[in-house]
Amino acid sequence: DDLIAASAAAADGRDHQTPMEAIRARHHATAADLLTGEDFDEVSGRIDEVFDELGGILHGISLVGECTARTRDSVLSCGERLSAQLVAAALRRSGTPATSSDARNLIVTDDDFGEARVDLEATRDRVSRHFVKQDATQVIPGFIAANPRGDTTTLGRGGSVYTAAILGAALEVDCIEIWT
């Protein structure tokens, strides 16, 4: 919601830097609560990378005075990607080998930004190739994907649960569990 508000502020020519910096500060505070040492430094650097990207997107929105569905998908992906980084780091800290993998590299969709439809065959191929190489627990953000050209898309309402189902189907698991 805060990312949507920041993009709306940018589109309206209002201050978008202050809300963006507040979101950044919350992520850094969460990382500081969960992590220490090199883990904190690594995740903190990744947080800054995502917020540098987000700052560029919001600046672009402010210049054109609108936030298209395609651009909104890029903005919204930032929150999901950051959450996955934090969860993976917290798992590592608790002794579970874990990495965060970007769903945009795994789930292939069409160009219907905001409500993208999944290309199950292409996704199955990417997912199976990815997971065969992984030893650590994979933390994959829900809700986000990419079209064949790599443009960020989102799966619409319920997209995180849908992501779990997509991954489960691609991996041919017996069941998936959703905890909310």
C-alpha atoms as a PDB file:
ATOM      1  CA  ASP A   1       0.000   0.000   0.000  1.00  0.00           C
ATOM      2  CA  ASP A   2       2.843   2.385   0.813  1.00  0.00           C
ATOM      3  CA  LEU A   3       4.477   1.681  -2.537  1.00  0.00           C
ATOM      4  CA  ILE A   4       1.198   2.390  -4.319  1.00  0.00           C
ATOM      5  CA  ALA A   5       0.853   5.634  -2.356  1.00  0.00           C
ATOM      6  CA  ALA A   6       4.410   6.677  -3.277  1.00  0.00           C
ATOM      7  CA  SER A   7       3.746   6.007  -6.968  1.00  0.00           C
ATOM      8  CA  ALA A   8       0.453   7.951  -6.804  1.00  0.00           C
ATOM      9  CA  ALA A   9       2.266  10.856  -5.143  1.00  0.00           C
ATOM     10  CA  ALA A  10       4.908  10.813  -7.875  1.00  0.00           C
ATOM     11  CA  ALA A  11       2.244  10.764 -10.601  1.00  0.00           C
ATOM     12  CA  ASP A  12       0.476  13.719  -8.978  1.00  0.00           C
ATOM     13  CA  GLY A  13       3.689  15.714  -8.675  1.00  0.00           C
ATOM     14  CA  ARG A  14       3.675  15.436  -4.882  1.00  0.00           C
ATOM     15  CA  ASP A  15       6.567  14.453  -2.634  1.00  0.00           C
ATOM     16  CA  HIS A  16       7.366  10.793  -3.226  1.00  0.00           C
ATOM     17  CA  GLN A  17      10.856  10.854  -1.715  1.00  0.00           C
ATOM     18  CA  THR A  18       9.670  11.117   1.894  1.00  0.00           C
ATOM     19  CA  PRO A  19       7.367   8.086   1.753  1.00  0.00           C
ATOM     20  CA  MET A  20       9.989   6.109  -0.170  1.00  0.00           C
ATOM     21  CA  GLU A  21      12.646   6.906   2.423  1.00  0.00           C
ATOM     22  CA  ALA A  22      10.258   5.898   5.219  1.00  0.00           C
ATOM     23  CA  ILE A  23       9.751   2.521   3.522  1.00  0.00           C
ATOM     24  CA  ARG A  24      13.532   2.158   3.104  1.00  0.00           C
ATOM     25  CA  ALA A  25      14.073   2.973   6.792  1.00  0.00           C
ATOM     26  CA  ARG A  26      11.528   0.299   7.830  1.00  0.00           C
ATOM     27  CA  HIS A  27      13.336  -2.311   5.754  1.00  0.00           C
ATOM     28  CA  HIS A  28      16.709  -1.338   7.211  1.00  0.00           C
ATOM     29  CA  ALA A  29      15.248  -1.449  10.742  1.00  0.00           C
ATOM     30  CA  THR A  30      13.813  -4.908  10.085  1.00  0.00           C
ATOM     31  CA  ALA A  31      17.170  -6.081   8.753  1.00  0.00           C
ATOM     32  CA  ALA A  32      18.899  -4.660  11.854  1.00  0.00           C
ATOM     33  CA  ASP A  33      16.421  -6.503  14.099  1.00  0.00           C
ATOM     34  CA  LEU A  34      16.994  -9.807  12.303  1.00  0.00           C
ATOM     35  CA  LEU A  35      20.641  -9.742  11.292  1.00  0.00           C
ATOM     36  CA  THR A  36      24.160  -8.875  12.343  1.00  0.00           C
ATOM     37  CA  GLY A  37      27.592  -8.605  10.772  1.00  0.00           C
ATOM     38  CA  GLU A  38      28.081  -9.686   7.183  1.00  0.00           C
ATOM     39  CA  ASP A  39      24.461 -10.856   6.852  1.00  0.00           C
ATOM     40  CA  PHE A  40      23.252  -7.374   7.782  1.00  0.00           C
ATOM     41  CA  ASP A  41      25.747  -5.704   5.461  1.00  0.00           C
ATOM     42  CA  GLU A  42      24.753  -7.933   2.543  1.00  0.00           C
ATOM     43  CA  VAL A  43      21.004  -7.495   2.989  1.00  0.00           C
ATOM     44  CA  SER A  44      21.366  -3.782   3.711  1.00  0.00           C
ATOM     45  CA  GLY A  45      23.237  -3.386   0.432  1.00  0.00           C
ATOM     46  CA  ARG A  46      20.502  -5.247  -1.434  1.00  0.00           C
ATOM     47  CA  ILE A  47      17.857  -3.062   0.206  1.00  0.00           C
ATOM     48  CA  ASP A  48      19.683   0.022  -1.039  1.00  0.00           C
ATOM     49  CA  GLU A  49      19.994  -1.446  -4.554  1.00  0.00           C
ATOM     50  CA  VAL A  50      16.240  -2.048  -4.755  1.00  0.00           C
ATOM     51  CA  PHE A  51      15.479   1.421  -3.384  1.00  0.00           C
ATOM     52  CA  ASP A  52      17.874   3.027  -5.866  1.00  0.00           C
ATOM     53  CA  GLU A  53      15.920   1.235  -8.610  1.00  0.00           C
ATOM     54  CA  LEU A  54      12.622   2.304  -7.047  1.00  0.00           C
ATOM     55  CA  GLY A  55      13.818   5.904  -6.801  1.00  0.00           C
ATOM     56  CA  GLY A  56      14.535   5.917 -10.537  1.00  0.00           C
ATOM     57  CA  ILE A  57      11.113   4.487 -11.335  1.00  0.00           C
ATOM     58  CA  LEU A  58       9.346   7.019  -9.103  1.00  0.00           C
ATOM     59  CA  HIS A  59      11.361   9.838 -10.659  1.00  0.00           C
ATOM     60  CA  GLY A  60      10.244   8.655 -14.104  1.00  0.00           C
ATOM     61  CA  ILE A  61       6.625   8.565 -12.932  1.00  0.00           C
ATOM     62  CA  SER A  62       6.958  12.125 -11.666  1.00  0.00           C
ATOM     63  CA  LEU A  63       8.400  13.281 -14.996  1.00  0.00           C
ATOM     64  CA  VAL A  64       5.598  11.834 -17.115  1.00  0.00           C
ATOM     65  CA  GLY A  65       2.877  12.529 -14.558  1.00  0.00           C
ATOM     66  CA  GLU A  66       1.314   9.079 -14.691  1.00  0.00           C
ATOM     67  CA  CYS A  67       1.802   5.553 -13.432  1.00  0.00           C
ATOM     68  CA  THR A  68       0.811   2.938 -15.983  1.00  0.00           C
ATOM     69  CA  ALA A  69      -0.058  -0.649 -15.057  1.00  0.00           C
ATOM     70  CA  ARG A  70       3.348  -1.719 -16.375  1.00  0.00           C
ATOM     71  CA  THR A  71       5.144   0.818 -14.203  1.00  0.00           C
ATOM     72  CA  ARG A  72       2.991  -0.050 -11.177  1.00  0.00           C
ATOM     73  CA  ASP A  73       4.040  -3.684 -11.561  1.00  0.00           C
ATOM     74  CA  SER A  74       7.691  -2.609 -11.382  1.00  0.00           C
ATOM     75  CA  VAL A  75       7.010  -0.535  -8.266  1.00  0.00           C
ATOM     76  CA  LEU A  76       5.082  -3.327  -6.538  1.00  0.00           C
ATOM     77  CA  SER A  77       7.777  -5.892  -7.293  1.00  0.00           C
ATOM     78  CA  CYS A  78      10.161  -4.005  -5.016  1.00  0.00           C
ATOM     79  CA  GLY A  79       8.261  -4.893  -1.856  1.00  0.00           C
ATOM     80  CA  GLU A  80       8.040  -8.574  -2.733  1.00  0.00           C
ATOM     81  CA  ARG A  81      11.704  -8.805  -3.637  1.00  0.00           C
ATOM     82  CA  LEU A  82      12.751  -7.088  -0.408  1.00  0.00           C
ATOM     83  CA  SER A  83      10.568  -9.338   1.745  1.00  0.00           C
ATOM     84  CA  ALA A  84      12.097 -12.441   0.163  1.00  0.00           C
ATOM     85  CA  GLN A  85      15.608 -11.132   0.888  1.00  0.00           C
ATOM     86  CA  LEU A  86      14.743 -10.563   4.551  1.00  0.00           C
ATOM     87  CA  VAL A  87      13.069 -13.959   4.995  1.00  0.00           C
ATOM     88  CA  ALA A  88      15.994 -15.787   3.383  1.00  0.00           C
ATOM     89  CA  ALA A  89      18.467 -13.946   5.622  1.00  0.00           C
ATOM     90  CA  ALA A  90      16.400 -14.721   8.727  1.00  0.00           C
ATOM     91  CA  LEU A  91      16.329 -18.406   7.762  1.00  0.00           C
ATOM     92  CA  ARG A  92      20.111 -18.410   7.319  1.00  0.00           C
ATOM     93  CA  ARG A  93      20.536 -16.775  10.713  1.00  0.00           C
ATOM     94  CA  SER A  94      18.449 -19.521  12.300  1.00  0.00           C
ATOM     95  CA  GLY A  95      20.670 -22.179  10.714  1.00  0.00           C
ATOM     96  CA  THR A  96      18.663 -23.058   7.597  1.00  0.00           C
ATOM     97  CA  PRO A  97      20.620 -22.700   4.351  1.00  0.00           C
ATOM     98  CA  ALA A  98      18.442 -20.370   2.252  1.00  0.00           C
ATOM     99  CA  THR A  99      18.669 -18.049  -0.714  1.00  0.00           C
ATOM    100  CA  SER A 100      16.239 -15.643  -2.273  1.00  0.00           C
ATOM    101  CA  SER A 101      15.490 -16.237  -5.929  1.00  0.00           C
ATOM    102  CA  ASP A 102      13.719 -13.716  -8.118  1.00  0.00           C
ATOM    103  CA  ALA A 103      10.352 -15.027  -9.339  1.00  0.00           C
ATOM    104  CA  ARG A 104      10.757 -12.858 -12.438  1.00  0.00           C
ATOM    105  CA  ASN A 105      13.433 -15.303 -13.577  1.00  0.00           C
ATOM    106  CA  LEU A 106      11.130 -18.282 -13.054  1.00  0.00           C
ATOM    107  CA  ILE A 107       7.515 -17.406 -13.859  1.00  0.00           C
ATOM    108  CA  VAL A 108       6.784 -16.383 -17.448  1.00  0.00           C
ATOM    109  CA  THR A 109       3.622 -14.442 -18.270  1.00  0.00           C
ATOM    110  CA  ASP A 110       1.932 -12.516 -21.023  1.00  0.00           C
ATOM    111  CA  ASP A 111       1.860  -8.695 -21.204  1.00  0.00           C
ATOM    112  CA  ASP A 112      -1.362  -8.144 -19.242  1.00  0.00           C
ATOM    113  CA  PHE A 113       0.277  -5.948 -16.602  1.00  0.00           C
ATOM    114  CA  GLY A 114      -1.499  -6.092 -13.255  1.00  0.00           C
ATOM    115  CA  GLU A 115      -3.332  -9.344 -14.117  1.00  0.00           C
ATOM    116  CA  ALA A 116      -0.798 -11.332 -16.107  1.00  0.00           C
ATOM    117  CA  ARG A 117      -1.544 -14.858 -17.291  1.00  0.00           C
ATOM    118  CA  VAL A 118       1.125 -17.502 -16.778  1.00  0.00           C
ATOM    119  CA  ASP A 119       2.727 -19.454 -19.605  1.00  0.00           C
ATOM    120  CA  LEU A 120       2.792 -22.749 -17.720  1.00  0.00           C
ATOM    121  CA  GLU A 121       5.025 -24.597 -20.174  1.00  0.00           C
ATOM    122  CA  ALA A 122       7.753 -21.941 -20.224  1.00  0.00           C
ATOM    123  CA  THR A 123       7.460 -21.551 -16.450  1.00  0.00           C
ATOM    124  CA  ARG A 124       7.726 -25.292 -15.831  1.00  0.00           C
ATOM    125  CA  ASP A 125      10.910 -25.381 -17.905  1.00  0.00           C
ATOM    126  CA  ARG A 126      12.519 -22.471 -16.033  1.00  0.00           C
ATOM    127  CA  VAL A 127      11.462 -23.742 -12.602  1.00  0.00           C
ATOM    128  CA  SER A 128      12.739 -27.271 -13.172  1.00  0.00           C
ATOM    129  CA  ARG A 129      16.072 -25.994 -14.542  1.00  0.00           C
ATOM    130  CA  HIS A 130      16.440 -23.652 -11.555  1.00  0.00           C
ATOM    131  CA  PHE A 131      15.563 -26.078  -8.782  1.00  0.00           C
ATOM    132  CA  VAL A 132      17.765 -28.918 -10.051  1.00  0.00           C
ATOM    133  CA  LYS A 133      20.785 -26.693  -9.275  1.00  0.00           C
ATOM    134  CA  GLN A 134      19.717 -25.628  -5.766  1.00  0.00           C
ATOM    135  CA  ASP A 135      20.822 -27.111  -2.462  1.00  0.00           C
ATOM    136  CA  ALA A 136      19.516 -24.352  -0.184  1.00  0.00           C
ATOM    137  CA  THR A 137      15.916 -23.586   0.686  1.00  0.00           C
ATOM    138  CA  GLN A 138      14.529 -21.241  -1.946  1.00  0.00           C
ATOM    139  CA  VAL A 139      12.621 -18.156  -0.826  1.00  0.00           C
ATOM    140  CA  ILE A 140      10.709 -16.922  -3.853  1.00  0.00           C
ATOM    141  CA  PRO A 141       8.555 -13.812  -3.749  1.00  0.00           C
ATOM    142  CA  GLY A 142       4.945 -14.294  -4.697  1.00  0.00           C
ATOM    143  CA  PHE A 143       2.789 -12.114  -6.912  1.00  0.00           C
ATOM    144  CA  ILE A 144       5.539 -11.106  -9.361  1.00  0.00           C
ATOM    145  CA  ALA A 145       6.697 -12.582 -12.648  1.00  0.00           C
ATOM    146  CA  ALA A 146       7.979 -11.368 -16.018  1.00  0.00           C
ATOM    147  CA  ASN A 147       6.977 -11.554 -19.644  1.00  0.00           C
ATOM    148  CA  PRO A 148       9.326 -13.277 -22.145  1.00  0.00           C
ATOM    149  CA  ARG A 149      11.231  -9.993 -22.658  1.00  0.00           C
ATOM    150  CA  GLY A 150      11.909  -9.722 -18.902  1.00  0.00           C
ATOM    151  CA  ASP A 151       9.457  -6.892 -18.184  1.00  0.00           C
ATOM    152  CA  THR A 152       8.090  -7.181 -14.654  1.00  0.00           C
ATOM    153  CA  THR A 153       4.457  -8.283 -14.395  1.00  0.00           C
ATOM    154  CA  THR A 154       2.166  -9.064 -11.479  1.00  0.00           C
ATOM    155  CA  LEU A 155      -0.366 -11.841 -11.131  1.00  0.00           C
ATOM    156  CA  GLY A 156      -3.199  -9.779  -9.631  1.00  0.00           C
ATOM    157  CA  ARG A 157      -5.177 -10.314  -6.456  1.00  0.00           C
ATOM    158  CA  GLY A 158      -4.241 -13.579  -4.747  1.00  0.00           C
ATOM    159  CA  GLY A 159      -1.018 -13.651  -6.734  1.00  0.00           C
ATOM    160  CA  SER A 160       1.124 -14.893  -3.864  1.00  0.00           C
ATOM    161  CA  VAL A 161      -1.029 -17.973  -3.312  1.00  0.00           C
ATOM    162  CA  TYR A 162      -1.155 -18.463  -7.071  1.00  0.00           C
ATOM    163  CA  THR A 163       2.661 -18.317  -7.163  1.00  0.00           C
ATOM    164  CA  ALA A 164       2.865 -21.161  -4.653  1.00  0.00           C
ATOM    165  CA  ALA A 165       0.453 -23.205  -6.757  1.00  0.00           C
ATOM    166  CA  ILE A 166       2.408 -22.477  -9.943  1.00  0.00           C
ATOM    167  CA  LEU A 167       5.687 -23.535  -8.339  1.00  0.00           C
ATOM    168  CA  GLY A 168       4.096 -26.623  -6.803  1.00  0.00           C
ATOM    169  CA  ALA A 169       2.642 -27.669 -10.155  1.00  0.00           C
ATOM    170  CA  ALA A 170       5.918 -27.011 -11.986  1.00  0.00           C
ATOM    171  CA  LEU A 171       7.814 -29.088  -9.423  1.00  0.00           C
ATOM    172  CA  GLU A 172       5.124 -31.779  -9.398  1.00  0.00           C
ATOM    173  CA  VAL A 173       4.880 -31.758  -5.595  1.00  0.00           C
ATOM    174  CA  ASP A 174       2.222 -33.755  -3.782  1.00  0.00           C
ATOM    175  CA  CYS A 175       0.911 -30.740  -1.891  1.00  0.00           C
ATOM    176  CA  ILE A 176       1.552 -27.105  -1.059  1.00  0.00           C
ATOM    177  CA  GLU A 177       0.819 -25.443   2.280  1.00  0.00           C
ATOM    178  CA  ILE A 178      -0.286 -21.835   2.574  1.00  0.00           C
ATOM    179  CA  TRP A 179       0.283 -20.173   5.950  1.00  0.00           C
ATOM    180  CA  THR A 180      -1.156 -16.711   6.494  1.00  0.00           C
END
